[in-house]
């Protein structure tokens, strides 16, 4: 038994511990009070709070989330339907060939003695489109502006301007060498490429293939297209799955691929960082295109059986108001396009695991596992037990 003096010291210490448990229980860092009091300047508004919706993870919530999951995939907006086929316009610097035909001899280009030369056509020497976008055709007053126009359109104009002098002229215009319709593919591709568009056009997926394809999986790759003064970004997965996102490429487009893995964070009562596979991290990357909530928590090592409250398992993300409204959530107080949402999952029941295995995670999701209510009490008792032993040793030494 402890001596009377040691008992008194122990009881006093336990009472003090219970009165100030927050200050005694071991923490990962300084208390909030210490951080706030130590600041030399503040910019806070204690009257402002973040409103959020709390949703129980039910079968209806799982299906609603799946229905709206594609709405969070990054896509092109006003680039769709442009380019991708038809004649490629002539560009500045292109080498252009012009051939003019006449129906009979004695006209502008074919002498009366037709036997003196073969054929009924004349080949204009190849020309490079000048910086003004023009070429010159004999017997046509002034230059012909060709930049930005199709070969057929230019041919029709030349024929029209020669019709008063030549005999039933016909014109064929072709681009011998494209130099002004270049497209560049850069970034996380196997081989950066720059090439000229073919007359038949090319889709975005074809342009990426010209560069050897992406270095990384499609679900970790973003594709940015710069077209003039506009820049838009889409996920490569969306481009490959949705034909409308596989946009036609236009002359001068710059395509850049970037590697941006989808990630999720795990906080709370889960195994300590580094305890699972030596991964000293609470930020994890997706292993494939889609990952369920059950797979996510498994990758983080599951719940800490000594601390976690399986009935208090949460997932935090932003949701579309329309999706929450379909579940009966009053979203009238939320003015933003996205609503902060907390899903509550009860893993103390078997159906919670089945729901978690069907609930798809998204980029930037946060998983939080709350500690059981008895954990802090256990911490206090552990400290009290240590204090009791310390008091006894102190009293023994004082004798």
Foldseek 3Di string as FASTA:
>chain_A
DFPPQLVVQLVVVLVVCVVPVVVVFDDPDDDPVVVVVPDPDDDDDPVDDADFAEAALDPLLQVLCVVCVVVPFFFDDPLFPPAAFAFAFAAAFFWKKKKKFAPAAPFDPHHNPNVVDDDGMDIDPIDGQHPQQWDDDPPAPDTQRGHPHGQVVSQVVVQVRCPVGGHNMGMGMDTPGHDQQKEWEDEQAPATDIDHADRGFHWQVVVSVVRVHGPDDQLQKKKWKDDPPDIGIGGSVCVVPPVRRRGTDGGPIYIYMYGHFFKEFEDEQADAQLPPPHHNGRIDGDPDNWDFQLRVCVVRVHGNPVWFDQQFKKKWDWDAPVSVVVVVDPCVVPPDRTGTYMYGARRVDPVSSVSRRSRIDGGHMYIYTYTDPCPSVVSSVVVSVVSSVVSSVVVVVVD
